[in-house]
Amino acid sequence: EKMGTLVRNFLTSGYFTRSHYLLFEEPLIRLRDYIKEHGDLEDKLTAKAIKYLENQIAKFKPDRTSTIGVRAIEAILNYVGAHREELLRARVFRFEPTERQKELYQECDYKFKPGQWVDETDFYSEDEIPLDGVVLYLECTLVKLDALPPEERKETYNCVKQLFEETGLLEELVGWDLFFGRQRDVVADTLNRPLVFTLRVRLNPDATFTITGRWFDDGQFLYPHYEFILKRAAKKAQAKIKFHMIY
């Protein structure tokens, strides 16, 4: 029942920017419609959720991804957490694979039936991950290196620099800078650019929830930085977190 509060505490831990983009709008539309038909609008939790849902849906544009605030996230997810059993029975968040996903599944001889358990670590590409059960799908951004406290900034910088050195990436990047006549701290520059990850809150078939994030790190060697940031954000939110490498 406090799942929304947990997610809000995670996102407001000081390790992420304030702009969170909503990548999948249909769950909120379905939830709004369900509450209007079946919800007790006199209930405070329900009234709060429907207010934020209406405000959020009003922002939807066909040519633009909308942002969503942490207060809306908290209210919506707290409602879903409190009513998870009935939402599951009503199949509010039951989604078929997209046409593109059907093609991908056919290519690798994978069969997916909506309503089954989804383990995101089974999927190499994010495009393959089923949307079935997804309540909230966000794109979030880490704060820049320079926004971290000095001790944390130094620690994560040194971890990434060490990996850059071990893999030969540092020498390669410095070499390119010398070739083009540039002089910069390549590690700091890398960690000060926007680093994004996606976050999905999923209602499972047993009425539990899974919160899963993912980032693409193909040859960038930023795993130590993401791990450092996400662990500290989870600690502040009093949430457990674990990491998986997808090969």
Foldseek 3Di string as FASTA:
>chain_A
DQPLVLVLLLCPVQFFDFWKWFPDLQLLVLVLVCCVVDNDCVDPLSVQLNVLSVVQVVPDDPVDTDTHGSSNSRSNVVVCLVCLVVCLVVQSQFDDQDPVLVVVCVVVVHDDDTLAFFDPLVDQDPSNGDSRQWNTKIKIWTAALVSDPPVLSVVLLVVQVVQCVVVVVVVVVVVVCVVVVHDDDVSNVVRRDTFMKMWTWGQHSVRDIDIDIDGDCDPVSNVSVVVSSSVSSCVSSVHDDDDDDRD
